[in-house]
Amino acid sequence: MQLFLSTFQNKIDKKGRVSVPASFRAVLSEQAFQGIVVFRSLTLQAIEGFSMARMEKLSQDLDQLDVFSQDYEDWTASIFADSHQLPFDSEGRVQLPEFFCTYAGITDVVAFIGRGKSFQLWNPSTFLDYQNSARNRLKNKEHGLRAMV
């Protein structure tokens, strides 16, 4: 399985289009849907980015819940109802909905943040602040990555 790695900053053009990093497109190239799926993060001022296959996996995982439960209703209303499929154009760009950009504070540049099986879209300076805080939190923990391996 290929992973979404690294951080890239790309400019948004006047029509709201942005080029998805080539390495991210390479991960997505074997997918039936040629594009990305995005929704507002539930916990951060960012946009979550998934492949359609990852969304299908999430749907299967949610099928383990009672479809009439409040948890199921909350998850589907918060993720699937909020999701947008953004197809690639001939140049590997997607059109970012203004609503999502406003939510994440994205204006003229977007940071694509690799997260392994998924990625996020951030305002670059907001992400830098978040990343520095995350690194500091990890430095202050007694156990590190070795405990997870």
N, C-alpha and C. Protein backbone atom coordinates (compact mmCIF):
# COMPACT_ATOMS: atom_id res chain seq x y z
N MET A 1 0.84 -1.20 0.00
CA MET A 1 0.00 0.00 0.00
C MET A 1 0.88 1.24 0.00
N GLN A 2 0.58 2.16 -0.89
CA GLN A 2 1.29 3.42 -0.93
C GLN A 2 0.70 4.37 0.11
N LEU A 3 1.53 5.26 0.59
CA LEU A 3 1.11 6.19 1.64
C LEU A 3 1.26 7.64 1.19
N PHE A 4 0.47 8.50 1.80
CA PHE A 4 0.59 9.93 1.59
C PHE A 4 1.64 10.44 2.57
N LEU A 5 2.75 10.95 2.03
CA LEU A 5 3.86 11.40 2.85
C LEU A 5 4.26 12.83 2.50
N SER A 6 4.86 13.51 3.43
CA SER A 6 5.47 14.82 3.26
C SER A 6 4.45 15.95 3.34
N THR A 7 4.97 17.15 3.15
CA THR A 7 4.16 18.36 3.17
C THR A 7 4.47 19.17 1.91
N PHE A 8 3.43 19.63 1.25
CA PHE A 8 3.58 20.42 0.03
C PHE A 8 2.70 21.65 0.14
N GLN A 9 3.19 22.76 -0.37
CA GLN A 9 2.38 23.98 -0.43
C GLN A 9 2.16 24.35 -1.89
N ASN A 10 0.90 24.53 -2.25
CA ASN A 10 0.55 24.89 -3.63
C ASN A 10 -0.38 26.10 -3.62
N LYS A 11 -0.21 26.94 -4.64
CA LYS A 11 -1.05 28.13 -4.77
C LYS A 11 -2.41 27.75 -5.32
N ILE A 12 -3.39 28.49 -4.88
CA ILE A 12 -4.75 28.35 -5.39
C ILE A 12 -4.94 29.43 -6.44
N ASP A 13 -5.43 29.04 -7.62
CA ASP A 13 -5.62 30.05 -8.67
C ASP A 13 -6.91 30.84 -8.45
N LYS A 14 -7.16 31.82 -9.28
CA LYS A 14 -8.32 32.71 -9.12
C LYS A 14 -9.65 31.99 -9.22
N LYS A 15 -9.66 30.81 -9.86
CA LYS A 15 -10.88 30.03 -9.98
C LYS A 15 -11.05 29.03 -8.85
N GLY A 16 -10.14 29.05 -7.89
CA GLY A 16 -10.23 28.14 -6.74
C GLY A 16 -9.65 26.77 -6.99
N ARG A 17 -8.83 26.64 -8.04
CA ARG A 17 -8.22 25.35 -8.36
C ARG A 17 -6.83 25.27 -7.75
N VAL A 18 -6.47 24.06 -7.35
CA VAL A 18 -5.13 23.84 -6.81
C VAL A 18 -4.62 22.50 -7.33
N SER A 19 -3.34 22.47 -7.60
CA SER A 19 -2.71 21.23 -8.08
C SER A 19 -2.47 20.31 -6.89
N VAL A 20 -2.95 19.09 -7.00
CA VAL A 20 -2.70 18.08 -5.98
C VAL A 20 -1.27 17.58 -6.20
N PRO A 21 -0.45 17.47 -5.14
CA PRO A 21 0.93 17.04 -5.33
C PRO A 21 1.03 15.74 -6.14
N ALA A 22 2.04 15.69 -7.01
CA ALA A 22 2.21 14.54 -7.91
C ALA A 22 2.33 13.24 -7.13
N SER A 23 3.02 13.25 -6.01
CA SER A 23 3.16 12.01 -5.23
C SER A 23 1.82 11.56 -4.65
N PHE A 24 0.94 12.51 -4.32
CA PHE A 24 -0.39 12.15 -3.83
C PHE A 24 -1.21 11.57 -4.97
N ARG A 25 -1.12 12.20 -6.15
CA ARG A 25 -1.85 11.68 -7.32
C ARG A 25 -1.38 10.27 -7.66
N ALA A 26 -0.09 10.00 -7.48
CA ALA A 26 0.45 8.66 -7.76
C ALA A 26 -0.19 7.62 -6.84
N VAL A 27 -0.40 7.98 -5.58
CA VAL A 27 -1.06 7.06 -4.64
C VAL A 27 -2.49 6.79 -5.09
N LEU A 28 -3.14 7.81 -5.63
CA LEU A 28 -4.54 7.71 -6.04
C LEU A 28 -4.74 7.16 -7.45
N SER A 29 -3.67 6.97 -8.19
CA SER A 29 -3.79 6.65 -9.62
C SER A 29 -4.48 5.33 -9.91
N GLU A 30 -4.44 4.39 -8.99
CA GLU A 30 -5.07 3.09 -9.24
C GLU A 30 -6.52 3.04 -8.81
N GLN A 31 -7.04 4.15 -8.32
CA GLN A 31 -8.42 4.21 -7.86
C GLN A 31 -9.38 4.35 -9.04
N ALA A 32 -10.57 3.83 -8.91
CA ALA A 32 -11.58 3.99 -9.95
C ALA A 32 -11.96 5.47 -10.09
N PHE A 33 -12.16 6.15 -8.94
CA PHE A 33 -12.48 7.58 -8.97
C PHE A 33 -11.17 8.35 -9.03
N GLN A 34 -10.96 9.10 -10.09
CA GLN A 34 -9.75 9.88 -10.26
C GLN A 34 -9.94 11.26 -9.64
N GLY A 35 -9.67 11.31 -8.35
CA GLY A 35 -9.81 12.55 -7.61
C GLY A 35 -9.66 12.27 -6.13
N ILE A 36 -10.13 13.22 -5.33
CA ILE A 36 -10.05 13.08 -3.87
C ILE A 36 -11.43 13.29 -3.26
N VAL A 37 -11.58 12.82 -2.04
CA VAL A 37 -12.80 13.07 -1.27
C VAL A 37 -12.37 13.90 -0.06
N VAL A 38 -13.08 14.99 0.19
CA VAL A 38 -12.73 15.87 1.30
C VAL A 38 -13.95 16.14 2.18
N PHE A 39 -13.66 16.39 3.46
CA PHE A 39 -14.68 16.81 4.41
C PHE A 39 -14.01 17.59 5.53
N ARG A 40 -14.78 18.37 6.27
CA ARG A 40 -14.22 19.16 7.36
C ARG A 40 -13.77 18.24 8.49
N SER A 41 -12.58 18.52 9.01
CA SER A 41 -12.09 17.75 10.14
C SER A 41 -13.04 17.92 11.32
N LEU A 42 -13.22 16.86 12.07
CA LEU A 42 -14.07 16.92 13.26
C LEU A 42 -13.35 17.56 14.44
N THR A 43 -12.02 17.62 14.40
CA THR A 43 -11.26 18.08 15.56
C THR A 43 -10.30 19.23 15.28
N LEU A 44 -10.01 19.50 14.03
CA LEU A 44 -9.01 20.50 13.68
C LEU A 44 -9.54 21.50 12.67
N GLN A 45 -8.87 22.63 12.55
CA GLN A 45 -9.23 23.64 11.55
C GLN A 45 -8.55 23.25 10.24
N ALA A 46 -8.98 22.12 9.69
CA ALA A 46 -8.36 21.55 8.50
C ALA A 46 -9.41 20.80 7.71
N ILE A 47 -9.03 20.41 6.50
CA ILE A 47 -9.88 19.60 5.63
C ILE A 47 -9.24 18.22 5.53
N GLU A 48 -10.03 17.19 5.78
CA GLU A 48 -9.55 15.82 5.66
C GLU A 48 -9.62 15.41 4.20
N GLY A 49 -8.61 14.70 3.73
CA GLY A 49 -8.58 14.21 2.36
C GLY A 49 -8.39 12.71 2.33
N PHE A 50 -9.28 12.02 1.63
CA PHE A 50 -9.25 10.57 1.55
C PHE A 50 -9.35 10.14 0.09
N SER A 51 -8.92 8.93 -0.18
CA SER A 51 -9.23 8.30 -1.45
C SER A 51 -10.65 7.75 -1.35
N MET A 52 -11.26 7.44 -2.48
CA MET A 52 -12.60 6.84 -2.45
C MET A 52 -12.52 5.48 -1.76
N ALA A 53 -11.45 4.73 -1.96
CA ALA A 53 -11.29 3.43 -1.31
C ALA A 53 -11.29 3.58 0.21
N ARG A 54 -10.64 4.62 0.71
CA ARG A 54 -10.61 4.86 2.16
C ARG A 54 -12.00 5.23 2.67
N MET A 55 -12.75 5.99 1.89
CA MET A 55 -14.12 6.32 2.28
C MET A 55 -14.99 5.06 2.31
N GLU A 56 -14.78 4.17 1.34
CA GLU A 56 -15.53 2.91 1.33
C GLU A 56 -15.20 2.07 2.57
N LYS A 57 -13.93 2.07 2.96
CA LYS A 57 -13.52 1.34 4.17
C LYS A 57 -14.18 1.95 5.40
N LEU A 58 -14.21 3.26 5.47
CA LEU A 58 -14.87 3.95 6.58
C LEU A 58 -16.35 3.59 6.62
N SER A 59 -16.99 3.53 5.48
CA SER A 59 -18.40 3.15 5.41
C SER A 59 -18.60 1.72 5.93
N GLN A 60 -17.72 0.83 5.53
CA GLN A 60 -17.80 -0.56 6.02
C GLN A 60 -17.63 -0.62 7.53
N ASP A 61 -16.69 0.16 8.05
CA ASP A 61 -16.47 0.19 9.50
C ASP A 61 -17.71 0.70 10.22
N LEU A 62 -18.35 1.72 9.65
CA LEU A 62 -19.55 2.27 10.28
C LEU A 62 -20.72 1.29 10.21
N ASP A 63 -20.69 0.38 9.24
CA ASP A 63 -21.75 -0.62 9.14
C ASP A 63 -21.76 -1.57 10.34
N GLN A 64 -20.70 -1.53 11.16
CA GLN A 64 -20.67 -2.34 12.37
C GLN A 64 -21.59 -1.76 13.45
N LEU A 65 -21.95 -0.50 13.29
CA LEU A 65 -22.86 0.15 14.23
C LEU A 65 -24.31 -0.15 13.86
N ASP A 66 -25.18 -0.02 14.83
CA ASP A 66 -26.62 -0.11 14.57
C ASP A 66 -27.00 1.10 13.71
N VAL A 67 -27.55 0.85 12.52
CA VAL A 67 -27.85 1.95 11.59
C VAL A 67 -28.93 2.90 12.13
N PHE A 68 -29.61 2.50 13.19
CA PHE A 68 -30.61 3.38 13.80
C PHE A 68 -30.11 4.04 15.07
N SER A 69 -28.82 3.86 15.38
CA SER A 69 -28.26 4.44 16.60
C SER A 69 -27.88 5.90 16.39
N GLN A 70 -27.77 6.62 17.50
CA GLN A 70 -27.35 8.02 17.44
C GLN A 70 -25.91 8.14 16.96
N ASP A 71 -25.05 7.18 17.35
CA ASP A 71 -23.66 7.21 16.88
C ASP A 71 -23.59 7.13 15.36
N TYR A 72 -24.35 6.21 14.79
CA TYR A 72 -24.36 6.07 13.33
C TYR A 72 -24.86 7.36 12.69
N GLU A 73 -25.92 7.91 13.23
CA GLU A 73 -26.47 9.16 12.70
C GLU A 73 -25.44 10.30 12.77
N ASP A 74 -24.74 10.39 13.90
CA ASP A 74 -23.76 11.46 14.07
C ASP A 74 -22.60 11.31 13.10
N TRP A 75 -22.06 10.08 12.97
CA TRP A 75 -20.94 9.85 12.07
C TRP A 75 -21.31 10.14 10.62
N THR A 76 -22.45 9.64 10.19
CA THR A 76 -22.82 9.83 8.79
C THR A 76 -23.15 11.30 8.49
N ALA A 77 -23.80 11.98 9.43
CA ALA A 77 -24.13 13.39 9.23
C ALA A 77 -22.87 14.26 9.23
N SER A 78 -21.88 13.87 10.03
CA SER A 78 -20.67 14.67 10.16
C SER A 78 -19.64 14.40 9.07
N ILE A 79 -19.64 13.21 8.51
CA ILE A 79 -18.62 12.88 7.52
C ILE A 79 -19.22 12.72 6.13
N PHE A 80 -20.11 11.78 5.94
CA PHE A 80 -20.61 11.50 4.60
C PHE A 80 -21.46 12.63 4.04
N ALA A 81 -22.29 13.24 4.86
CA ALA A 81 -23.11 14.35 4.37
C ALA A 81 -22.27 15.58 4.06
N ASP A 82 -21.09 15.67 4.70
CA ASP A 82 -20.21 16.82 4.52
C ASP A 82 -19.19 16.60 3.39
N SER A 83 -19.06 15.37 2.91
CA SER A 83 -18.02 15.02 1.95
C SER A 83 -18.33 15.52 0.54
N HIS A 84 -17.26 15.90 -0.16
CA HIS A 84 -17.35 16.29 -1.57
C HIS A 84 -16.32 15.49 -2.35
N GLN A 85 -16.74 14.98 -3.49
CA GLN A 85 -15.82 14.32 -4.42
C GLN A 85 -15.27 15.40 -5.33
N LEU A 86 -13.95 15.52 -5.37
CA LEU A 86 -13.30 16.52 -6.21
C LEU A 86 -12.49 15.80 -7.28
N PRO A 87 -13.00 15.75 -8.51
CA PRO A 87 -12.27 15.05 -9.58
C PRO A 87 -11.06 15.86 -10.05
N PHE A 88 -10.02 15.15 -10.49
CA PHE A 88 -8.86 15.81 -11.08
C PHE A 88 -9.24 16.34 -12.45
N ASP A 89 -8.73 17.52 -12.79
CA ASP A 89 -8.86 17.98 -14.17
C ASP A 89 -7.67 17.43 -14.95
N SER A 90 -7.54 17.82 -16.20
CA SER A 90 -6.49 17.27 -17.06
C SER A 90 -5.08 17.63 -16.58
N GLU A 91 -4.97 18.62 -15.69
CA GLU A 91 -3.66 19.04 -15.18
C GLU A 91 -3.42 18.59 -13.74
N GLY A 92 -4.28 17.72 -13.22
CA GLY A 92 -4.10 17.21 -11.86
C GLY A 92 -4.54 18.17 -10.77
N ARG A 93 -5.42 19.10 -11.13
CA ARG A 93 -5.94 20.07 -10.16
C ARG A 93 -7.34 19.66 -9.71
N VAL A 94 -7.72 20.18 -8.54
CA VAL A 94 -9.10 20.04 -8.06
C VAL A 94 -9.62 21.43 -7.74
N GLN A 95 -10.93 21.55 -7.77
CA GLN A 95 -11.60 22.80 -7.42
C GLN A 95 -12.01 22.72 -5.95
N LEU A 96 -11.40 23.55 -5.11
CA LEU A 96 -11.72 23.53 -3.69
C LEU A 96 -12.99 24.34 -3.42
N PRO A 97 -13.99 23.73 -2.79
CA PRO A 97 -15.20 24.50 -2.46
C PRO A 97 -14.86 25.63 -1.48
N GLU A 98 -15.38 26.80 -1.74
CA GLU A 98 -15.12 27.97 -0.91
C GLU A 98 -15.49 27.72 0.56
N PHE A 99 -16.56 26.98 0.77
CA PHE A 99 -17.01 26.66 2.13
C PHE A 99 -15.91 25.97 2.93
N PHE A 100 -15.20 25.05 2.31
CA PHE A 100 -14.12 24.34 2.99
C PHE A 100 -12.93 25.26 3.25
N CYS A 101 -12.61 26.09 2.27
CA CYS A 101 -11.49 27.01 2.44
C CYS A 101 -11.76 27.97 3.60
N THR A 102 -12.97 28.48 3.68
CA THR A 102 -13.34 29.37 4.77
C THR A 102 -13.19 28.66 6.11
N TYR A 103 -13.68 27.42 6.20
CA TYR A 103 -13.59 26.64 7.43
C TYR A 103 -12.14 26.49 7.89
N ALA A 104 -11.24 26.19 6.95
CA ALA A 104 -9.84 25.92 7.29
C ALA A 104 -8.96 27.18 7.26
N GLY A 105 -9.53 28.33 6.93
CA GLY A 105 -8.75 29.56 6.86
C GLY A 105 -7.76 29.56 5.71
N ILE A 106 -8.08 28.83 4.66
CA ILE A 106 -7.21 28.75 3.48
C ILE A 106 -7.58 29.88 2.53
N THR A 107 -6.57 30.62 2.08
CA THR A 107 -6.83 31.73 1.17
C THR A 107 -6.15 31.48 -0.18
N ASP A 108 -4.90 31.86 -0.30
CA ASP A 108 -4.23 31.77 -1.60
C ASP A 108 -3.24 30.61 -1.72
N VAL A 109 -2.88 29.98 -0.61
CA VAL A 109 -1.96 28.84 -0.60
C VAL A 109 -2.54 27.78 0.32
N VAL A 110 -2.42 26.52 -0.10
CA VAL A 110 -2.88 25.41 0.72
C VAL A 110 -1.72 24.46 0.97
N ALA A 111 -1.63 23.96 2.19
CA ALA A 111 -0.63 22.96 2.54
C ALA A 111 -1.28 21.59 2.51
N PHE A 112 -0.72 20.69 1.72
CA PHE A 112 -1.14 19.29 1.69
C PHE A 112 -0.25 18.54 2.67
N ILE A 113 -0.86 17.92 3.66
CA ILE A 113 -0.13 17.28 4.75
C ILE A 113 -0.35 15.77 4.69
N GLY A 114 0.71 15.03 4.40
CA GLY A 114 0.60 13.58 4.37
C GLY A 114 0.39 13.00 5.75
N ARG A 115 -0.52 12.02 5.85
CA ARG A 115 -0.83 11.38 7.13
C ARG A 115 -0.90 9.86 6.98
N GLY A 116 -0.11 9.32 6.09
CA GLY A 116 -0.12 7.88 5.89
C GLY A 116 -1.23 7.48 4.95
N LYS A 117 -2.32 6.95 5.49
CA LYS A 117 -3.44 6.48 4.66
C LYS A 117 -4.38 7.61 4.22
N SER A 118 -4.17 8.78 4.77
CA SER A 118 -4.99 9.93 4.40
C SER A 118 -4.10 11.17 4.37
N PHE A 119 -4.71 12.32 4.11
CA PHE A 119 -3.97 13.58 4.12
C PHE A 119 -4.91 14.68 4.57
N GLN A 120 -4.34 15.83 4.83
CA GLN A 120 -5.14 16.98 5.22
C GLN A 120 -4.74 18.19 4.40
N LEU A 121 -5.64 19.16 4.32
CA LEU A 121 -5.38 20.45 3.68
C LEU A 121 -5.51 21.51 4.77
N TRP A 122 -4.49 22.35 4.86
CA TRP A 122 -4.40 23.37 5.92
C TRP A 122 -4.01 24.72 5.35
N ASN A 123 -4.29 25.76 6.12
CA ASN A 123 -3.63 27.04 5.95
C ASN A 123 -2.19 26.78 6.40
N PRO A 124 -1.17 27.09 5.59
CA PRO A 124 0.20 26.75 5.94
C PRO A 124 0.68 27.24 7.30
N SER A 125 0.37 28.48 7.66
CA SER A 125 0.85 29.00 8.95
C SER A 125 0.10 28.35 10.12
N THR A 126 -1.18 28.06 9.93
CA THR A 126 -1.93 27.37 10.98
C THR A 126 -1.36 25.98 11.21
N PHE A 127 -1.00 25.29 10.11
CA PHE A 127 -0.41 23.96 10.28
C PHE A 127 0.94 24.03 10.96
N LEU A 128 1.76 25.00 10.61
CA LEU A 128 3.08 25.11 11.22
C LEU A 128 2.95 25.27 12.74
N ASP A 129 2.02 26.11 13.18
CA ASP A 129 1.77 26.26 14.62
C ASP A 129 1.32 24.94 15.24
N TYR A 130 0.39 24.26 14.56
CA TYR A 130 -0.10 22.97 15.07
C TYR A 130 1.03 21.95 15.13
N GLN A 131 1.85 21.88 14.07
CA GLN A 131 2.94 20.91 14.02
C GLN A 131 3.95 21.16 15.15
N ASN A 132 4.29 22.41 15.39
CA ASN A 132 5.21 22.74 16.48
C ASN A 132 4.64 22.32 17.83
N SER A 133 3.36 22.57 18.04
CA SER A 133 2.71 22.14 19.29
C SER A 133 2.71 20.63 19.42
N ALA A 134 2.43 19.94 18.31
CA ALA A 134 2.40 18.47 18.33
C ALA A 134 3.79 17.92 18.67
N ARG A 135 4.82 18.48 18.08
CA ARG A 135 6.19 18.03 18.35
C ARG A 135 6.55 18.26 19.81
N ASN A 136 6.16 19.40 20.35
CA ASN A 136 6.43 19.68 21.76
C ASN A 136 5.70 18.73 22.68
N ARG A 137 4.45 18.39 22.34
CA ARG A 137 3.70 17.42 23.16
C ARG A 137 4.42 16.07 23.16
N LEU A 138 4.91 15.64 21.99
CA LEU A 138 5.61 14.37 21.90
C LEU A 138 6.93 14.39 22.66
N LYS A 139 7.64 15.49 22.62
CA LYS A 139 8.91 15.61 23.35
C LYS A 139 8.70 15.45 24.86
N ASN A 140 7.55 15.85 25.34
CA ASN A 140 7.28 15.82 26.78
C ASN A 140 6.72 14.49 27.26
N LYS A 141 6.53 13.54 26.38
CA LYS A 141 6.02 12.22 26.78
C LYS A 141 7.18 11.33 27.20
N GLU A 142 6.92 10.44 28.15
CA GLU A 142 7.96 9.52 28.63
C GLU A 142 8.28 8.44 27.61
N HIS A 143 7.29 7.96 26.92
CA HIS A 143 7.51 6.90 25.94
C HIS A 143 7.40 7.48 24.54
N GLY A 144 8.12 6.90 23.63
CA GLY A 144 8.14 7.42 22.28
C GLY A 144 7.65 6.39 21.30
N LEU A 145 8.05 6.57 20.07
CA LEU A 145 7.63 5.71 18.97
C LEU A 145 8.04 4.26 19.22
N ARG A 146 9.17 4.03 19.86
CA ARG A 146 9.62 2.67 20.11
C ARG A 146 8.60 1.85 20.89
N ALA A 147 7.85 2.51 21.74
CA ALA A 147 6.82 1.79 22.49
C ALA A 147 5.70 1.30 21.60
N MET A 148 5.54 1.91 20.43
CA MET A 148 4.48 1.54 19.51
C MET A 148 4.93 0.48 18.52
N VAL A 149 6.23 0.32 18.31
CA VAL A 149 6.73 -0.59 17.30
C VAL A 149 6.81 -2.01 17.83
